[in-house]
Amino acid sequence: MTRVRRADEGEWVRPEGVPEGSVVSVFRVPPEVAGQRLDVFLQGQLKRTSRTRTQFIIGASAYDDTGRRLRSNHRVRPFQQILLWRAPWDEDPVPTDVPVIYEDDDLLAVNKPALLPVHPTARYHKNTLIKVLQRARPGEWLSLGHRLDRETSGVMLIAKNPACDRALKRSLEERARRAAGTTRRAGPAEEIEKTYLAITWGVPPDGRYERSVELDPTHSTRVRMRLGESAGALYAATRFVTLATKRSEERVYARVQCDLETGRQHQIRIHLASLGTPIVGDKLYGPDDRLFARGVDGELTAADVALLELPRQALHAWRITIPHPMSGERLAIEAPVPEDLETFWNRL
């Protein structure tokens, strides 16, 4: 077996030895974690899974996209795809209305709703963005261009054919390499701009905020990032502009434009939290990081919900500007701010 992906259908062929009926979860390695051991990478992706349990899962189910078995000590590569073949499981319902905001023969852009996972996780396999789109567009070739957190809404780019997929990923990979300082080569990727909108507790200072980030190894969830000064910390820079403020009896809120110069995991969330102005509804970087674990387990109390004020983090991927992967034409694609965030802001 040379490849396990069928390019005509965008599906994965079950490797020899994997029981019939198994389902596959695909984890795409972001460039900022390249070089990690596979068990460290997957523990962060699977959430609330011990290192020992993660190693057991790898031993029982981990393959690369050529069908080769992987071990826990495998070092992951940028944009590598890790496949876990496991027995099916029950999943929670997710939003399935995914508005299209741009489409041509090669590229699709959608406004991803909050609480719809982008990538498979330990809890979601059938109910992911690609699966939802594939059910609505049977037979179409679709591949994610990048990622968003489950609770973040907004613009997602999806390639509609392998050539566009390769070109889009090359542009994004080049942007990530320049951010990491590993190349200075100029080109269309420099023109990629990502802008988010956030609602924060407190008002962050306008301007450029430059602080490196790294995975927090002391946190129980293994997904929390922190500001980092170590040799392995990843350079991160964000520009903030406060668009409006509102005041309640207890606190001040801000509507903030966030322009990414780099695209590190949780970058906007940790930068705003470190400025003392966390995002409303953020369970991991907000008023109590224990809320994240309780949220994953479905055990948030009424007091927790009141403290968070929103059932999800108030972060929206508002606009992406990018040269078209095939034509080079400059595209500026915007996703309207969702109703839940508009309603929250208007009610303040």
Protein backbone atom coordinates (compact mmCIF):
# COMPACT_ATOMS: atom_id res chain seq x y z
CA MET A 1 0.00 0.00 0.00
CA THR A 2 1.55 3.31 -1.10
CA ARG A 3 -1.15 5.77 -0.04
CA VAL A 4 -4.23 5.34 2.11
CA ARG A 5 -6.09 8.37 0.81
CA ARG A 6 -8.37 8.03 -2.20
CA ALA A 7 -8.00 11.30 -4.09
CA ASP A 8 -11.24 10.80 -6.04
CA GLU A 9 -13.42 10.80 -2.92
CA GLY A 10 -11.25 12.46 -0.30
CA GLU A 11 -11.69 9.44 1.98
CA TRP A 12 -9.25 7.21 3.83
CA VAL A 13 -8.76 3.53 3.05
CA ARG A 14 -8.59 1.28 6.09
CA PRO A 15 -5.06 -0.16 6.49
CA GLU A 16 -4.54 -3.90 6.68
CA GLY A 17 -5.14 -5.22 10.18
CA VAL A 18 -7.60 -2.48 11.19
CA PRO A 19 -11.01 -4.02 12.04
CA GLU A 20 -13.86 -3.37 9.63
CA GLY A 21 -16.21 -0.65 10.88
CA SER A 22 -13.43 1.38 12.51
CA VAL A 23 -13.51 5.15 12.08
CA VAL A 24 -10.55 7.39 11.44
CA SER A 25 -9.65 10.65 13.15
CA VAL A 26 -7.12 12.80 11.28
CA PHE A 27 -4.86 15.23 13.17
CA ARG A 28 -2.87 17.69 11.07
CA VAL A 29 0.36 18.86 12.68
CA PRO A 30 0.68 22.67 12.85
CA PRO A 31 4.21 23.91 12.09
CA GLU A 32 4.69 25.42 15.54
CA VAL A 33 4.74 21.97 17.19
CA ALA A 34 6.96 20.24 14.61
CA GLY A 35 9.53 18.02 16.29
CA GLN A 36 7.34 17.04 19.24
CA ARG A 37 7.05 13.39 20.15
CA LEU A 38 3.83 11.91 18.81
CA ASP A 39 2.52 11.07 22.29
CA VAL A 40 3.06 14.68 23.45
CA PHE A 41 1.34 16.08 20.35
CA LEU A 42 -1.65 13.75 20.56
CA GLN A 43 -2.10 14.21 24.29
CA GLY A 44 -2.63 17.90 23.58
CA GLN A 45 -5.09 17.12 20.80
CA LEU A 46 -7.11 14.49 22.65
CA LYS A 47 -7.65 16.69 25.73
CA ARG A 48 -7.87 15.35 29.28
CA THR A 49 -6.08 12.14 28.31
CA SER A 50 -3.12 10.90 30.33
CA ARG A 51 0.27 10.29 28.75
CA THR A 52 -0.07 6.57 29.47
CA ARG A 53 -3.53 6.42 27.90
CA THR A 54 -2.31 8.38 24.86
CA GLN A 55 0.56 5.93 24.37
CA PHE A 56 -1.90 3.04 24.53
CA ILE A 57 -4.09 4.70 21.87
CA ILE A 58 -1.04 5.23 19.63
CA GLY A 59 0.03 1.62 20.00
CA ALA A 60 -3.44 0.41 19.08
CA SER A 61 -4.42 2.82 16.34
CA ALA A 62 -1.84 5.35 15.02
CA TYR A 63 -0.79 5.48 11.34
CA ASP A 64 0.63 8.06 8.97
CA ASP A 65 -1.03 8.86 5.63
CA THR A 66 0.91 6.12 3.86
CA GLY A 67 -0.53 3.45 6.15
CA ARG A 68 2.69 3.09 8.18
CA ARG A 69 2.28 2.31 11.86
CA LEU A 70 3.59 4.98 14.20
CA ARG A 71 5.15 4.75 17.63
CA SER A 72 4.93 7.10 20.60
CA ASN A 73 8.47 8.40 20.08
CA HIS A 74 7.84 9.37 16.44
CA ARG A 75 8.77 13.05 15.84
CA VAL A 76 5.96 14.86 14.06
CA ARG A 77 6.61 16.97 10.94
CA PRO A 78 4.96 20.23 9.85
CA PHE A 79 1.54 19.57 8.26
CA GLN A 80 1.94 15.82 8.70
CA GLN A 81 -1.38 13.99 8.99
CA ILE A 82 -1.73 11.53 11.87
CA LEU A 83 -4.49 8.95 11.58
CA LEU A 84 -6.10 7.17 14.53
CA TRP A 85 -8.29 4.21 13.56
CA ARG A 86 -10.69 3.41 16.40
CA ALA A 87 -14.09 1.92 17.14
CA PRO A 88 -17.00 4.38 16.61
CA TRP A 89 -18.44 6.34 19.54
CA ASP A 90 -21.52 8.44 20.30
CA GLU A 91 -21.16 12.18 19.74
CA ASP A 92 -22.86 15.31 21.02
CA PRO A 93 -24.95 17.27 18.48
CA VAL A 94 -23.28 20.27 16.81
CA PRO A 95 -24.45 23.23 14.69
CA THR A 96 -24.93 22.11 11.08
CA ASP A 97 -25.87 25.41 9.39
CA VAL A 98 -22.59 26.47 7.74
CA PRO A 99 -23.11 29.58 5.57
CA VAL A 100 -21.01 29.88 2.41
CA ILE A 101 -19.44 33.35 2.10
CA TYR A 102 -17.28 32.78 -1.00
CA GLU A 103 -16.97 30.07 -3.63
CA ASP A 104 -15.37 29.48 -7.02
CA ASP A 105 -14.19 26.39 -8.88
CA ASP A 106 -11.18 25.93 -6.59
CA LEU A 107 -11.84 27.56 -3.24
CA LEU A 108 -14.66 27.57 -0.69
CA ALA A 109 -14.96 29.92 2.29
CA VAL A 110 -17.53 29.38 5.03
CA ASN A 111 -18.57 31.13 8.23
CA LYS A 112 -17.96 28.37 10.76
CA PRO A 113 -20.43 28.50 13.65
CA ALA A 114 -19.15 28.36 17.21
CA LEU A 115 -19.13 24.90 18.86
CA LEU A 116 -18.60 23.06 15.56
CA PRO A 117 -15.22 21.25 15.72
CA VAL A 118 -12.85 21.73 12.81
CA HIS A 119 -10.69 18.65 13.44
CA PRO A 120 -11.60 15.25 14.87
CA THR A 121 -10.96 14.90 18.58
CA ALA A 122 -11.44 12.26 21.24
CA ARG A 123 -15.11 13.33 21.37
CA TYR A 124 -15.92 14.15 17.73
CA HIS A 125 -15.50 12.18 14.53
CA LYS A 126 -18.71 12.45 12.49
CA ASN A 127 -19.64 15.93 13.70
CA THR A 128 -16.78 18.03 12.32
CA LEU A 129 -16.80 20.87 9.80
CA ILE A 130 -15.62 18.72 6.89
CA LYS A 131 -18.08 15.93 7.71
CA VAL A 132 -20.96 18.41 7.87
CA LEU A 133 -19.93 19.90 4.51
CA GLN A 134 -19.45 16.47 2.92
CA ARG A 135 -22.97 15.48 3.94
CA ALA A 136 -24.29 18.68 2.32
CA ARG A 137 -22.06 18.26 -0.76
CA PRO A 138 -21.85 14.52 -1.47
CA GLY A 139 -19.05 13.51 -3.82
CA GLU A 140 -17.16 16.82 -3.65
CA TRP A 141 -13.43 16.90 -2.85
CA LEU A 142 -12.91 19.10 0.25
CA SER A 143 -9.82 19.75 2.36
CA LEU A 144 -9.33 22.18 5.25
CA GLY A 145 -6.83 24.96 4.66
CA HIS A 146 -6.23 25.90 8.31
CA ARG A 147 -7.78 25.57 11.77
CA LEU A 148 -9.98 27.34 14.32
CA ASP A 149 -10.81 26.43 17.91
CA ARG A 150 -14.17 24.72 18.36
CA GLU A 151 -15.62 27.70 20.26
CA THR A 152 -14.32 30.30 17.78
CA SER A 153 -16.56 31.27 14.89
CA GLY A 154 -15.63 32.79 11.55
CA VAL A 155 -13.87 32.44 8.20
CA MET A 156 -12.59 29.02 7.21
CA LEU A 157 -10.92 28.33 3.85
CA ILE A 158 -11.45 24.95 2.19
CA ALA A 159 -9.79 23.70 -1.00
CA LYS A 160 -12.03 22.01 -3.56
CA ASN A 161 -9.31 20.11 -5.43
CA PRO A 162 -5.79 18.78 -4.73
CA ALA A 163 -4.01 21.52 -6.72
CA CYS A 164 -5.68 24.30 -4.73
CA ASP A 165 -5.07 22.38 -1.51
CA ARG A 166 -1.33 22.18 -2.20
CA ALA A 167 -1.07 25.84 -3.21
CA LEU A 168 -3.05 27.09 -0.22
CA LYS A 169 -1.03 25.05 2.24
CA ARG A 170 2.24 26.21 0.65
CA SER A 171 1.24 29.84 1.16
CA LEU A 172 0.24 29.30 4.78
CA GLU A 173 3.33 27.20 5.49
CA GLU A 174 5.60 29.90 4.06
CA ARG A 175 3.88 32.49 6.26
CA ALA A 176 4.45 30.28 9.31
CA ARG A 177 8.13 29.77 8.42
CA ARG A 178 8.73 33.49 8.10
CA ALA A 179 7.03 34.06 11.44
CA ALA A 180 9.37 31.49 12.97
CA GLY A 181 12.37 33.24 11.40
CA THR A 182 13.45 30.20 9.38
CA THR A 183 13.17 31.97 6.02
CA ARG A 184 13.12 35.50 4.68
CA ARG A 185 11.87 34.67 1.21
CA ALA A 186 9.35 37.26 0.07
CA GLY A 187 6.28 36.39 -1.95
CA PRO A 188 2.49 36.37 -2.07
CA ALA A 189 2.29 34.68 1.35
CA GLU A 190 3.44 37.95 2.90
CA GLU A 191 0.12 39.40 1.82
CA ILE A 192 -1.90 37.00 3.99
CA GLU A 193 -3.70 38.93 6.70
CA LYS A 194 -5.95 37.51 9.42
CA THR A 195 -8.20 39.74 11.51
CA TYR A 196 -10.31 38.64 14.47
CA LEU A 197 -12.88 40.41 16.63
CA ALA A 198 -13.04 39.79 20.38
CA ILE A 199 -15.14 41.03 23.29
CA THR A 200 -12.98 41.40 26.38
CA TRP A 201 -13.35 42.02 30.08
CA GLY A 202 -11.46 45.29 30.38
CA VAL A 203 -9.82 47.44 27.70
CA PRO A 204 -6.44 46.32 26.31
CA PRO A 205 -3.93 48.96 25.20
CA ASP A 206 -3.93 49.69 21.49
CA GLY A 207 -0.82 48.76 19.60
CA ARG A 208 1.49 45.84 18.88
CA TYR A 209 1.96 43.18 21.56
CA GLU A 210 4.96 40.90 21.13
CA ARG A 211 5.42 38.01 23.57
CA SER A 212 6.52 34.45 22.81
CA VAL A 213 4.30 31.54 23.85
CA GLU A 214 4.83 27.90 24.77
CA LEU A 215 2.85 24.93 26.00
CA ASP A 216 2.30 25.01 29.76
CA PRO A 217 3.56 21.58 30.94
CA THR A 218 2.27 22.17 34.47
CA HIS A 219 -1.37 22.48 33.48
CA SER A 220 -3.54 19.39 33.91
CA THR A 221 -5.25 19.65 30.51
CA ARG A 222 -2.03 19.71 28.44
CA VAL A 223 -3.66 22.22 26.07
CA ARG A 224 -3.03 25.51 27.89
CA MET A 225 -0.37 27.84 26.53
CA ARG A 226 1.61 30.40 28.54
CA LEU A 227 3.98 33.26 27.88
CA GLY A 228 7.40 31.72 27.38
CA GLU A 229 11.01 32.77 27.69
CA SER A 230 12.61 29.37 27.13
CA ALA A 231 14.68 28.48 24.08
CA GLY A 232 11.74 26.52 22.70
CA ALA A 233 9.18 29.32 23.07
CA LEU A 234 7.49 30.43 19.83
CA TYR A 235 7.64 34.04 18.71
CA ALA A 236 4.16 35.62 18.63
CA ALA A 237 2.92 39.12 17.79
CA THR A 238 -0.59 40.58 17.71
CA ARG A 239 -1.85 44.11 17.00
CA PHE A 240 -4.86 45.32 18.99
CA VAL A 241 -7.26 48.18 18.25
CA THR A 242 -10.20 48.91 20.59
CA LEU A 243 -13.26 49.65 18.45
CA ALA A 244 -15.76 50.41 21.21
CA THR A 245 -16.25 50.14 24.96
CA LYS A 246 -19.24 49.67 27.25
CA ARG A 247 -19.56 49.85 31.00
CA SER A 248 -21.80 47.89 33.36
CA GLU A 249 -22.21 48.39 37.08
CA GLU A 250 -19.36 45.97 37.74
CA ARG A 251 -16.90 46.19 34.84
CA VAL A 252 -15.86 47.62 31.50
CA TYR A 253 -16.06 45.66 28.24
CA ALA A 254 -14.27 46.28 24.96
CA ARG A 255 -14.83 45.26 21.37
CA VAL A 256 -11.34 44.67 20.03
CA GLN A 257 -9.88 44.15 16.57
CA CYS A 258 -7.01 41.66 16.65
CA ASP A 259 -4.61 41.45 13.69
CA LEU A 260 -2.35 38.40 13.66
CA GLU A 261 1.26 38.77 12.62
CA THR A 262 1.86 35.15 13.62
CA GLY A 263 -0.57 32.27 14.04
CA ARG A 264 0.36 30.49 17.24
CA GLN A 265 -2.03 28.24 19.14
CA HIS A 266 -4.34 30.32 21.37
CA GLN A 267 -2.23 33.40 20.54
CA ILE A 268 -4.96 36.04 20.79
CA ARG A 269 -6.47 34.49 23.90
CA ILE A 270 -3.21 34.26 25.85
CA HIS A 271 -2.00 37.71 24.75
CA LEU A 272 -5.23 39.38 25.85
CA ALA A 273 -5.30 37.42 29.12
CA SER A 274 -1.70 38.38 29.89
CA LEU A 275 -2.67 42.04 29.44
CA GLY A 276 -5.33 41.60 32.12
CA THR A 277 -8.18 41.74 29.59
CA PRO A 278 -9.27 38.13 28.89
CA ILE A 279 -11.93 37.26 26.34
CA VAL A 280 -15.48 37.00 27.67
CA GLY A 281 -16.49 33.35 28.05
CA ASP A 282 -12.95 31.96 27.85
CA LYS A 283 -12.85 28.87 30.06
CA LEU A 284 -9.09 28.35 29.77
CA TYR A 285 -7.64 31.87 30.04
CA GLY A 286 -10.51 33.63 31.80
CA PRO A 287 -11.45 33.97 35.47
CA ASP A 288 -10.81 30.32 36.42
CA ASP A 289 -9.00 27.81 34.21
CA ARG A 290 -10.72 24.94 36.03
CA LEU A 291 -13.83 25.89 34.06
CA PHE A 292 -12.29 24.29 30.98
CA ALA A 293 -12.24 20.81 32.50
CA ARG A 294 -15.74 21.21 33.90
CA GLY A 295 -16.94 22.39 30.50
CA VAL A 296 -15.40 19.38 28.74
CA ASP A 297 -17.15 17.08 31.21
CA GLY A 298 -20.47 18.92 30.91
CA GLU A 299 -20.34 19.85 34.59
CA LEU A 300 -20.51 23.65 34.54
CA THR A 301 -22.63 24.96 37.41
CA ALA A 302 -25.08 27.87 37.28
CA ALA A 303 -22.45 29.95 39.04
CA ASP A 304 -19.87 28.97 36.39
CA VAL A 305 -22.23 30.00 33.58
CA ALA A 306 -22.93 33.34 35.26
CA LEU A 307 -19.21 33.97 35.70
CA LEU A 308 -18.44 33.23 32.04
CA GLU A 309 -21.42 35.31 30.76
CA LEU A 310 -21.34 33.44 27.42
CA PRO A 311 -21.43 29.69 26.67
CA ARG A 312 -18.39 30.11 24.39
CA GLN A 313 -15.42 32.44 24.07
CA ALA A 314 -16.30 35.75 22.39
CA LEU A 315 -13.81 35.40 19.53
CA HIS A 316 -14.66 35.58 15.82
CA ALA A 317 -12.39 35.14 12.79
CA TRP A 318 -13.78 38.17 10.97
CA ARG A 319 -11.65 38.59 7.87
CA ILE A 320 -8.88 36.94 5.90
CA THR A 321 -7.07 38.61 3.02
CA ILE A 322 -5.08 36.28 0.81
CA PRO A 323 -3.85 35.90 -2.78
CA HIS A 324 -6.07 33.33 -4.47
CA PRO A 325 -4.12 30.04 -4.37
CA MET A 326 -4.64 29.45 -8.09
CA SER A 327 -5.08 32.83 -9.81
CA GLY A 328 -3.10 35.05 -7.44
CA GLU A 329 -5.98 37.54 -7.37
CA ARG A 330 -6.18 39.25 -3.99
CA LEU A 331 -9.23 38.16 -2.01
CA ALA A 332 -10.66 39.79 1.11
CA ILE A 333 -13.25 37.48 2.65
CA GLU A 334 -15.34 38.55 5.64
CA ALA A 335 -17.61 36.51 7.89
CA PRO A 336 -20.48 38.49 9.45
CA VAL A 337 -20.32 38.65 13.24
CA PRO A 338 -22.66 35.96 14.60
CA GLU A 339 -25.91 36.75 16.34
CA ASP A 340 -24.83 35.52 19.77
CA LEU A 341 -21.96 38.02 19.97
CA GLU A 342 -24.01 40.88 18.55
CA THR A 343 -26.82 40.18 20.99
CA PHE A 344 -24.45 40.02 23.95
CA TRP A 345 -22.78 43.31 23.00
CA ASN A 346 -26.08 45.11 22.35
CA ARG A 347 -27.48 44.01 25.71
CA LEU A 348 -24.57 45.34 27.72
